[in-house]
C-alpha atoms as a PDB file:
ATOM      1  CA  SER A   1     -26.604  33.607  58.063  1.00  0.00           C
ATOM      2  CA  TRP A   2     -26.383  30.169  56.410  1.00  0.00           C
ATOM      3  CA  THR A   3     -29.710  30.784  54.621  1.00  0.00           C
ATOM      4  CA  SER A   4     -28.646  34.084  53.078  1.00  0.00           C
ATOM      5  CA  ARG A   5     -25.271  32.609  52.002  1.00  0.00           C
ATOM      6  CA  SER A   6     -27.046  29.643  50.401  1.00  0.00           C
ATOM      7  CA  SER A   7     -29.488  31.937  48.592  1.00  0.00           C
ATOM      8  CA  ALA A   8     -26.644  34.072  47.276  1.00  0.00           C
ATOM      9  CA  PHE A   9     -24.774  30.973  46.080  1.00  0.00           C
ATOM     10  CA  PHE A  10     -27.927  29.622  44.400  1.00  0.00           C
ATOM     11  CA  TYR A  11     -28.546  32.963  42.664  1.00  0.00           C
ATOM     12  CA  SER A  12     -24.949  33.192  41.447  1.00  0.00           C
ATOM     13  CA  ARG A  13     -25.288  29.706  39.902  1.00  0.00           C
ATOM     14  CA  LEU A  14     -28.445  30.849  38.088  1.00  0.00           C
ATOM     15  CA  GLN A  15     -26.671  33.951  36.786  1.00  0.00           C
ATOM     16  CA  ARG A  16     -23.768  31.837  35.483  1.00  0.00           C
ATOM     17  CA  GLY A  17     -26.216  29.547  33.654  1.00  0.00           C
ATOM     18  CA  ASP A  18     -25.352  26.411  35.686  1.00  0.00           C
ATOM     19  CA  THR A  19     -26.553  23.449  33.564  1.00  0.00           C
ATOM     20  CA  ALA A  20     -27.764  21.630  36.687  1.00  0.00           C
ATOM     21  CA  LEU A  21     -30.308  24.420  37.214  1.00  0.00           C
ATOM     22  CA  ARG A  22     -31.447  24.647  33.576  1.00  0.00           C
ATOM     23  CA  GLY A  23     -34.848  23.183  34.477  1.00  0.00           C
ATOM     24  CA  PHE A  24     -35.402  25.814  37.160  1.00  0.00           C
ATOM     25  CA  ASN A  25     -34.534  28.596  34.738  1.00  0.00           C
ATOM     26  CA  LYS A  26     -37.040  27.217  32.243  1.00  0.00           C
ATOM     27  CA  LEU A  27     -39.726  26.974  34.918  1.00  0.00           C
ATOM     28  CA  SER A  28     -39.142  30.518  36.207  1.00  0.00           C
ATOM     29  CA  GLY A  29     -39.223  31.822  32.629  1.00  0.00           C
ATOM     30  CA  ALA A  30     -42.556  30.122  32.043  1.00  0.00           C
ATOM     31  CA  LEU A  31     -43.946  31.587  35.267  1.00  0.00           C
ATOM     32  CA  ASN A  32     -42.954  35.077  34.124  1.00  0.00           C
ATOM     33  CA  GLU A  33     -44.870  34.563  30.867  1.00  0.00           C
ATOM     34  CA  THR A  34     -48.246  33.686  32.384  1.00  0.00           C
ATOM     35  CA  PRO A  35     -51.202  35.931  31.455  1.00  0.00           C
ATOM     36  CA  MET A  36     -51.178  37.347  35.012  1.00  0.00           C
ATOM     37  CA  ALA A  37     -47.519  38.384  34.758  1.00  0.00           C
ATOM     38  CA  ILE A  38     -47.927  39.814  31.260  1.00  0.00           C
ATOM     39  CA  LEU A  39     -51.056  41.718  32.295  1.00  0.00           C
ATOM     40  CA  GLN A  40     -49.334  43.160  35.370  1.00  0.00           C
ATOM     41  CA  GLU A  41     -46.376  44.270  33.226  1.00  0.00           C
ATOM     42  CA  GLN A  42     -48.507  45.861  30.510  1.00  0.00           C
ATOM     43  CA  CYS A  43     -50.758  47.669  32.972  1.00  0.00           C
ATOM     44  CA  GLY A  44     -47.785  48.804  35.073  1.00  0.00           C
ATOM     45  CA  ARG A  45     -46.236  50.426  32.003  1.00  0.00           C
ATOM     46  CA  ARG A  46     -49.400  52.427  31.405  1.00  0.00           C
ATOM     47  CA  GLY A  47     -50.226  53.391  34.979  1.00  0.00           C
ATOM     48  CA  LEU A  48     -53.175  50.986  35.274  1.00  0.00           C
ATOM     49  CA  GLN A  49     -53.894  49.214  38.555  1.00  0.00           C
ATOM     50  CA  VAL A  50     -54.841  45.512  38.487  1.00  0.00           C
ATOM     51  CA  ARG A  51     -56.809  43.715  41.213  1.00  0.00           C
ATOM     52  CA  PHE A  52     -58.068  40.127  41.291  1.00  0.00           C
ATOM     53  CA  LYS A  53     -60.951  39.053  43.516  1.00  0.00           C
ATOM     54  CA  VAL A  54     -62.709  35.702  43.991  1.00  0.00           C
ATOM     55  CA  ILE A  55     -66.402  36.553  43.808  1.00  0.00           C
ATOM     56  CA  GLU A  56     -67.976  33.098  43.787  1.00  0.00           C
ATOM     57  CA  GLU A  57     -67.234  29.456  44.567  1.00  0.00           C
ATOM     58  CA  ARG A  58     -69.531  27.030  42.820  1.00  0.00           C
ATOM     59  CA  LYS A  59     -69.918  23.791  44.723  1.00  0.00           C
ATOM     60  CA  PRO A  60     -69.439  20.488  42.925  1.00  0.00           C
ATOM     61  CA  THR A  61     -72.526  18.649  41.692  1.00  0.00           C
ATOM     62  CA  SER A  62     -73.160  15.203  40.269  1.00  0.00           C
ATOM     63  CA  MET A  63     -72.675  16.724  36.815  1.00  0.00           C
ATOM     64  CA  HIS A  64     -69.911  19.287  37.356  1.00  0.00           C
ATOM     65  CA  ALA A  65     -66.749  19.720  39.407  1.00  0.00           C
ATOM     66  CA  ALA A  66     -66.270  22.696  41.699  1.00  0.00           C
ATOM     67  CA  HIS A  67     -65.550  26.004  39.954  1.00  0.00           C
ATOM     68  CA  PHE A  68     -64.352  29.427  41.031  1.00  0.00           C
ATOM     69  CA  VAL A  69     -65.284  32.798  39.522  1.00  0.00           C
ATOM     70  CA  VAL A  70     -62.668  35.594  39.632  1.00  0.00           C
ATOM     71  CA  ASP A  71     -63.026  39.239  38.669  1.00  0.00           C
ATOM     72  CA  CYS A  72     -60.032  41.097  37.236  1.00  0.00           C
ATOM     73  CA  ALA A  73     -60.596  44.828  37.829  1.00  0.00           C
ATOM     74  CA  ILE A  74     -58.316  47.242  35.957  1.00  0.00           C
ATOM     75  CA  THR A  75     -58.427  50.890  37.010  1.00  0.00           C
ATOM     76  CA  GLY A  76     -56.878  53.978  35.450  1.00  0.00           C
ATOM     77  CA  LEU A  77     -56.918  56.156  32.350  1.00  0.00           C
ATOM     78  CA  TRP A  78     -57.992  54.336  29.191  1.00  0.00           C
ATOM     79  CA  ASN A  79     -57.266  55.616  25.677  1.00  0.00           C
ATOM     80  CA  GLU A  80     -59.940  54.284  23.335  1.00  0.00           C
ATOM     81  CA  ARG A  81     -61.750  55.047  20.102  1.00  0.00           C
ATOM     82  CA  THR A  82     -65.464  55.651  19.586  1.00  0.00           C
ATOM     83  CA  LYS A  83     -67.477  53.686  16.997  1.00  0.00           C
ATOM     84  CA  SER A  84     -66.854  56.513  14.542  1.00  0.00           C
ATOM     85  CA  GLY A  85     -63.082  56.129  15.072  1.00  0.00           C
ATOM     86  CA  LYS A  86     -62.530  59.270  17.141  1.00  0.00           C
ATOM     87  CA  PRO A  87     -59.893  58.968  19.940  1.00  0.00           C
ATOM     88  CA  THR A  88     -61.390  59.309  23.408  1.00  0.00           C
ATOM     89  CA  LYS A  89     -60.269  58.953  27.018  1.00  0.00           C
ATOM     90  CA  PHE A  90     -62.025  57.180  29.863  1.00  0.00           C
ATOM     91  CA  GLU A  91     -60.957  57.171  33.505  1.00  0.00           C
ATOM     92  CA  GLY A  92     -62.394  54.412  35.634  1.00  0.00           C
ATOM     93  CA  THR A  93     -62.524  50.652  36.149  1.00  0.00           C
ATOM     94  CA  LYS A  94     -63.135  47.821  33.703  1.00  0.00           C
ATOM     95  CA  VAL A  95     -63.897  44.319  34.973  1.00  0.00           C
ATOM     96  CA  PHE A  96     -63.021  41.062  33.208  1.00  0.00           C
ATOM     97  CA  GLN A  97     -64.168  37.679  34.476  1.00  0.00           C
ATOM     98  CA  GLY A  98     -62.649  34.214  34.503  1.00  0.00           C
ATOM     99  CA  ILE A  99     -63.960  30.788  35.579  1.00  0.00           C
ATOM    100  CA  GLY A 100     -61.728  27.858  36.523  1.00  0.00           C
ATOM    101  CA  LYS A 101     -61.453  24.692  38.595  1.00  0.00           C
ATOM    102  CA  SER A 102     -59.122  26.501  41.003  1.00  0.00           C
ATOM    103  CA  THR A 103     -58.655  30.116  42.020  1.00  0.00           C
ATOM    104  CA  ARG A 104     -55.358  30.173  40.105  1.00  0.00           C
ATOM    105  CA  ASP A 105     -57.008  28.791  36.984  1.00  0.00           C
ATOM    106  CA  ALA A 106     -59.799  31.370  37.278  1.00  0.00           C
ATOM    107  CA  ARG A 107     -57.268  34.202  37.678  1.00  0.00           C
ATOM    108  CA  TYR A 108     -55.431  32.864  34.619  1.00  0.00           C
ATOM    109  CA  LYS A 109     -58.644  32.926  32.551  1.00  0.00           C
ATOM    110  CA  ALA A 110     -59.606  36.406  33.785  1.00  0.00           C
ATOM    111  CA  ALA A 111     -56.157  37.808  32.902  1.00  0.00           C
ATOM    112  CA  GLU A 112     -56.327  36.108  29.504  1.00  0.00           C
ATOM    113  CA  THR A 113     -59.723  37.687  28.804  1.00  0.00           C
ATOM    114  CA  ALA A 114     -58.458  41.131  29.868  1.00  0.00           C
ATOM    115  CA  LEU A 115     -55.387  40.868  27.619  1.00  0.00           C
ATOM    116  CA  ASN A 116     -57.454  39.758  24.627  1.00  0.00           C
ATOM    117  CA  LYS A 117     -59.900  42.638  25.057  1.00  0.00           C
ATOM    118  CA  MET A 118     -57.160  45.213  25.610  1.00  0.00           C
ATOM    119  CA  THR A 119     -54.993  44.185  22.658  1.00  0.00           C
ATOM    120  CA  LEU A 120     -57.916  43.802  20.254  1.00  0.00           C
ATOM    121  CA  GLY A 121     -58.105  47.530  19.615  1.00  0.00           C
ATOM    122  CA  MET A 122     -54.712  48.491  21.056  1.00  0.00           C
ATOM    123  CA  PRO A 123     -51.915  46.665  19.165  1.00  0.00           C
ATOM    124  CA  GLY A 124     -49.308  48.783  20.941  1.00  0.00           C
ATOM    125  CA  LEU A 125     -49.938  46.890  24.173  1.00  0.00           C
ATOM    126  CA  GLN A 126     -48.152  43.898  22.695  1.00  0.00           C
ATOM    127  CA  LEU A 127     -44.937  45.882  22.196  1.00  0.00           C
ATOM    128  CA  ALA A 128     -42.308  47.484  24.390  1.00  0.00           C
ATOM    129  CA  ARG A 129     -42.908  51.127  25.294  1.00  0.00           C
ATOM    130  CA  GLY A 130     -41.641  53.407  22.557  1.00  0.00           C
ATOM    131  CA  GLU A 131     -41.697  50.692  19.904  1.00  0.00           C
ATOM    132  CA  VAL A 132     -43.782  51.640  16.871  1.00  0.00           C
ATOM    133  CA  PRO A 133     -43.962  49.171  13.929  1.00  0.00           C
ATOM    134  CA  GLU A 134     -42.856  50.293  10.475  1.00  0.00           C
ATOM    135  CA  ALA A 135     -46.453  50.162   9.198  1.00  0.00           C
ATOM    136  CA  TRP A 136     -47.572  52.660  11.861  1.00  0.00           C
ATOM    137  CA  LEU A 137     -44.546  54.917  11.256  1.00  0.00           C
ATOM    138  CA  LYS A 138     -45.475  54.949   7.564  1.00  0.00           C
ATOM    139  CA  TRP A 139     -49.073  55.757   8.495  1.00  0.00           C
ATOM    140  CA  ALA A 140     -47.910  58.683  10.648  1.00  0.00           C
ATOM    141  CA  HIS A 141     -45.710  60.147   7.901  1.00  0.00           C
ATOM    142  CA  GLU A 142     -48.408  59.716   5.250  1.00  0.00           C
ATOM    143  CA  ASN A 143     -50.832  61.640   7.438  1.00  0.00           C
ATOM    144  CA  LEU A 144     -48.222  64.348   7.981  1.00  0.00           C
ATOM    145  CA  GLU A 145     -47.962  64.700   4.209  1.00  0.00           C
ATOM    146  CA  ARG A 146     -51.736  65.108   4.036  1.00  0.00           C
ATOM    147  CA  GLY A 147     -51.530  67.969   6.530  1.00  0.00           C
ATOM    148  CA  VAL A 148     -53.009  66.144   9.523  1.00  0.00           C
ATOM    149  CA  PRO A 149     -51.959  67.965  12.760  1.00  0.00           C
ATOM    150  CA  GLU A 150     -49.172  66.300  14.749  1.00  0.00           C
ATOM    151  CA  ALA A 151     -51.314  66.307  17.910  1.00  0.00           C
ATOM    152  CA  LYS A 152     -54.038  64.288  16.181  1.00  0.00           C
ATOM    153  CA  ILE A 153     -51.508  61.737  14.952  1.00  0.00           C
ATOM    154  CA  LEU A 154     -50.059  61.355  18.455  1.00  0.00           C
ATOM    155  CA  ASP A 155     -53.530  61.026  20.003  1.00  0.00           C
ATOM    156  CA  THR A 156     -54.354  58.232  17.574  1.00  0.00           C
ATOM    157  CA  LEU A 157     -51.121  56.370  18.344  1.00  0.00           C
ATOM    158  CA  VAL A 158     -51.718  56.677  22.092  1.00  0.00           C
ATOM    159  CA  SER A 159     -55.289  55.426  21.651  1.00  0.00           C
ATOM    160  CA  LYS A 160     -53.807  52.343  19.951  1.00  0.00           C
ATOM    161  CA  GLY A 161     -51.640  51.567  22.973  1.00  0.00           C
ATOM    162  CA  PHE A 162     -48.335  52.941  21.657  1.00  0.00           C
ATOM    163  CA  THR A 163     -46.054  55.298  23.591  1.00  0.00           C
ATOM    164  CA  PRO A 164     -44.889  57.632  20.786  1.00  0.00           C
ATOM    165  CA  SER A 165     -43.155  60.053  23.148  1.00  0.00           C
ATOM    166  CA  LEU A 166     -40.472  57.394  23.732  1.00  0.00           C
ATOM    167  CA  ASN A 167     -39.821  56.847  20.015  1.00  0.00           C
ATOM    168  CA  ALA A 168     -37.052  59.292  19.065  1.00  0.00           C
ATOM    169  CA  HIS A 169     -37.352  58.662  15.323  1.00  0.00           C
ATOM    170  CA  LEU A 170     -41.064  59.447  15.287  1.00  0.00           C
ATOM    171  CA  MET A 171     -40.842  62.479  17.580  1.00  0.00           C
ATOM    172  CA  HIS A 172     -37.946  63.925  15.565  1.00  0.00           C
ATOM    173  CA  GLY A 173     -40.004  63.526  12.401  1.00  0.00           C
ATOM    174  CA  LEU A 174     -43.087  65.201  13.834  1.00  0.00           C
ATOM    175  CA  THR A 175     -41.139  68.086  15.354  1.00  0.00           C
ATOM    176  CA  LEU A 176     -39.071  68.679  12.227  1.00  0.00           C
ATOM    177  CA  ALA A 177     -42.194  68.624  10.053  1.00  0.00           C
ATOM    178  CA  ARG A 178     -43.726  71.347  12.195  1.00  0.00           C
ATOM    179  CA  ARG A 179     -40.554  73.440  12.102  1.00  0.00           C
ATOM    180  CA  LEU A 180     -40.168  73.087   8.339  1.00  0.00           C
ATOM    181  CA  ARG A 181     -43.802  73.986   7.767  1.00  0.00           C
ATOM    182  CA  THR A 182     -43.292  77.159   9.811  1.00  0.00           C
ATOM    183  CA  ALA A 183     -40.061  78.009   7.977  1.00  0.00           C
ATOM    184  CA  LEU A 184     -41.721  77.585   4.579  1.00  0.00           C
ATOM    185  CA  ALA A 185     -44.594  79.827   5.652  1.00  0.00           C
ATOM    186  CA  GLU A 186     -42.089  82.518   6.639  1.00  0.00           C
ATOM    187  CA  ASP A 187     -39.905  82.102   3.536  1.00  0.00           C
ATOM    188  CA  THR A 188     -41.609  80.748   0.426  1.00  0.00           C
ATOM    189  CA  THR A 189     -38.272  80.728  -1.428  1.00  0.00           C
ATOM    190  CA  LEU A 190     -36.691  78.233   0.984  1.00  0.00           C
ATOM    191  CA  PHE A 191     -36.625  75.480  -1.646  1.00  0.00           C
ATOM    192  CA  ALA A 192     -35.606  77.836  -4.477  1.00  0.00           C
ATOM    193  CA  GLY A 193     -33.044  76.240  -6.747  1.00  0.00           C
ATOM    194  CA  GLU A 194     -33.441  72.725  -5.366  1.00  0.00           C
ATOM    195  CA  GLU A 195     -34.588  71.384  -8.760  1.00  0.00           C
ATOM    196  CA  SER A 196     -31.171  72.179 -10.189  1.00  0.00           C
ATOM    197  CA  GLY A 197     -29.310  70.946  -7.122  1.00  0.00           C
ATOM    198  CA  ASP A 198     -28.650  74.426  -5.773  1.00  0.00           C
ATOM    199  CA  VAL A 199     -29.295  74.613  -2.025  1.00  0.00           C
ATOM    200  CA  GLY A 200     -29.878  78.200  -0.932  1.00  0.00           C
ATOM    201  CA  ASP A 201     -28.461  79.900   2.150  1.00  0.00           C
ATOM    202  CA  GLY A 202     -31.880  79.996   3.825  1.00  0.00           C
ATOM    203  CA  LEU A 203     -32.325  76.223   3.664  1.00  0.00           C
ATOM    204  CA  LEU A 204     -28.699  75.595   4.676  1.00  0.00           C
ATOM    205  CA  SER A 205     -29.190  77.789   7.720  1.00  0.00           C
ATOM    206  CA  PHE A 206     -32.400  75.959   8.647  1.00  0.00           C
ATOM    207  CA  LEU A 207     -30.742  72.533   8.288  1.00  0.00           C
ATOM    208  CA  ASP A 208     -27.716  73.634  10.320  1.00  0.00           C
ATOM    209  CA  ARG A 209     -29.903  74.781  13.202  1.00  0.00           C
ATOM    210  CA  GLN A 210     -31.753  71.479  13.358  1.00  0.00           C
ATOM    211  CA  LEU A 211     -28.604  69.358  13.222  1.00  0.00           C
ATOM    212  CA  ARG A 212     -26.885  71.460  15.887  1.00  0.00           C
ATOM    213  CA  LEU A 213     -29.909  71.016  18.122  1.00  0.00           C
ATOM    214  CA  GLY A 214     -29.417  67.263  17.898  1.00  0.00           C
ATOM    215  CA  PHE A 215     -32.066  66.273  15.364  1.00  0.00           C
ATOM    216  CA  ASP A 216     -31.356  63.160  13.321  1.00  0.00           C
ATOM    217  CA  GLY A 217     -29.956  63.877   9.836  1.00  0.00           C
ATOM    218  CA  PRO A 218     -31.652  60.960   8.011  1.00  0.00           C
ATOM    219  CA  VAL A 219     -34.995  61.890   9.597  1.00  0.00           C
ATOM    220  CA  LEU A 220     -34.483  65.495   8.493  1.00  0.00           C
ATOM    221  CA  LEU A 221     -33.824  64.214   4.969  1.00  0.00           C
ATOM    222  CA  GLN A 222     -37.018  62.157   5.080  1.00  0.00           C
ATOM    223  CA  VAL A 223     -39.039  65.176   6.155  1.00  0.00           C
ATOM    224  CA  LEU A 224     -37.538  67.312   3.348  1.00  0.00           C
ATOM    225  CA  GLU A 225     -38.620  64.679   0.842  1.00  0.00           C
ATOM    226  CA  GLN A 226     -42.132  64.570   2.301  1.00  0.00           C
ATOM    227  CA  PHE A 227     -42.402  68.318   1.720  1.00  0.00           C
ATOM    228  CA  GLY A 228     -41.517  67.903  -1.938  1.00  0.00           C
ATOM    229  CA  PHE A 229     -37.788  68.647  -1.856  1.00  0.00           C
ATOM    230  CA  GLN A 230     -36.039  67.033  -4.862  1.00  0.00           C
ATOM    231  CA  VAL A 231     -33.525  64.935  -2.891  1.00  0.00           C
ATOM    232  CA  GLU A 232     -32.418  62.913  -5.934  1.00  0.00           C
ATOM    233  CA  ARG A 233     -31.124  66.143  -7.528  1.00  0.00           C
ATOM    234  CA  ASN A 234     -29.103  67.057  -4.442  1.00  0.00           C
ATOM    235  CA  PRO A 235     -26.796  64.051  -3.827  1.00  0.00           C
ATOM    236  CA  ASN A 236     -24.228  66.103  -1.907  1.00  0.00           C
ATOM    237  CA  LEU A 237     -26.845  67.366   0.545  1.00  0.00           C
ATOM    238  CA  VAL A 238     -28.244  63.841   0.917  1.00  0.00           C
ATOM    239  CA  GLN A 239     -24.847  62.410   1.855  1.00  0.00           C
ATOM    240  CA  ARG A 240     -24.149  65.225   4.321  1.00  0.00           C
ATOM    241  CA  LEU A 241     -27.458  64.739   6.111  1.00  0.00           C
ATOM    242  CA  ARG A 242     -26.928  60.991   6.299  1.00  0.00           C
ATOM    243  CA  ARG A 243     -23.604  61.704   8.014  1.00  0.00           C
ATOM    244  CA  HIS A 244     -25.173  64.317  10.332  1.00  0.00           C
ATOM    245  CA  GLU A 245     -22.822  67.002   9.025  1.00  0.00           C
ATOM    246  CA  VAL A 246     -23.482  70.731   9.235  1.00  0.00           C
ATOM    247  CA  SER A 247     -22.052  73.404   6.956  1.00  0.00           C
ATOM    248  CA  ALA A 248     -18.837  75.194   7.820  1.00  0.00           C
ATOM    249  CA  GLY A 249     -18.999  78.742   6.512  1.00  0.00           C
ATOM    250  CA  GLY A 250     -20.396  78.660   2.971  1.00  0.00           C
ATOM    251  CA  ARG A 251     -19.516  75.014   2.383  1.00  0.00           C
ATOM    252  CA  TRP A 252     -20.650  71.701   3.810  1.00  0.00           C
ATOM    253  CA  GLY A 253     -18.390  70.035   6.331  1.00  0.00           C
ATOM    254  CA  LEU A 254     -18.219  68.669   9.837  1.00  0.00           C
ATOM    255  CA  GLY A 255     -19.544  71.186  12.330  1.00  0.00           C
ATOM    256  CA  PRO A 256     -19.562  71.427  16.132  1.00  0.00           C
ATOM    257  CA  ALA A 257     -22.365  69.598  17.918  1.00  0.00           C
ATOM    258  CA  THR A 258     -23.412  72.629  19.905  1.00  0.00           C
ATOM    259  CA  GLU A 259     -26.436  74.859  19.841  1.00  0.00           C
ATOM    260  CA  PRO A 260     -26.053  78.126  17.937  1.00  0.00           C
END
């Protein structure tokens, strides 16, 4: 039909960045950045349902203009922390209220209030899923060094609004730390010789297995250092791990990217 052809033509002009439609692009961008849109996006990412409802219309008086009261109800599984700092989960509905001169204005205020409350104790809500700031990555690794269980670290990150399962760097680090801890418990001589730059067969075998399974070499190097391995005395090993290389026979070299 003529309408569908016109719509398609209009859309193609937007996609091409037609300068005559620059104002429309700016307006649509602004609409997508309203508190309502941001709230819907953030809640959608975390499986939370959002519902707005006008609960009261206050008639105008000689002193005040008409006002509307809107409730923003958000339902789902909430990851929070108690007053003592312990991660906890709550499944149910939280209600945030907004007051404005129009229903749209009231919805805007209610969404704004909800976002402020949610992000206050959950900084991860302000970021894309899987994104974890450097400060929080450092916090996670420092706690690993202290012997804090991986599950507790992940629970804390989730309670702060992050989605650690989608951060490959972090998950590689946590998994490799657990594997190295197990390997060291089974073979206390794993790091034998590392002070003189001599990497033993047991450690080479362990590193090979992890690299062949697809774990990141630089992350593996970071984990080794966290466990006390003297990386500065093993420059050859450092360079190989940075290049994701596995050993070939008794020497280091490029190896096949397949599981053993």
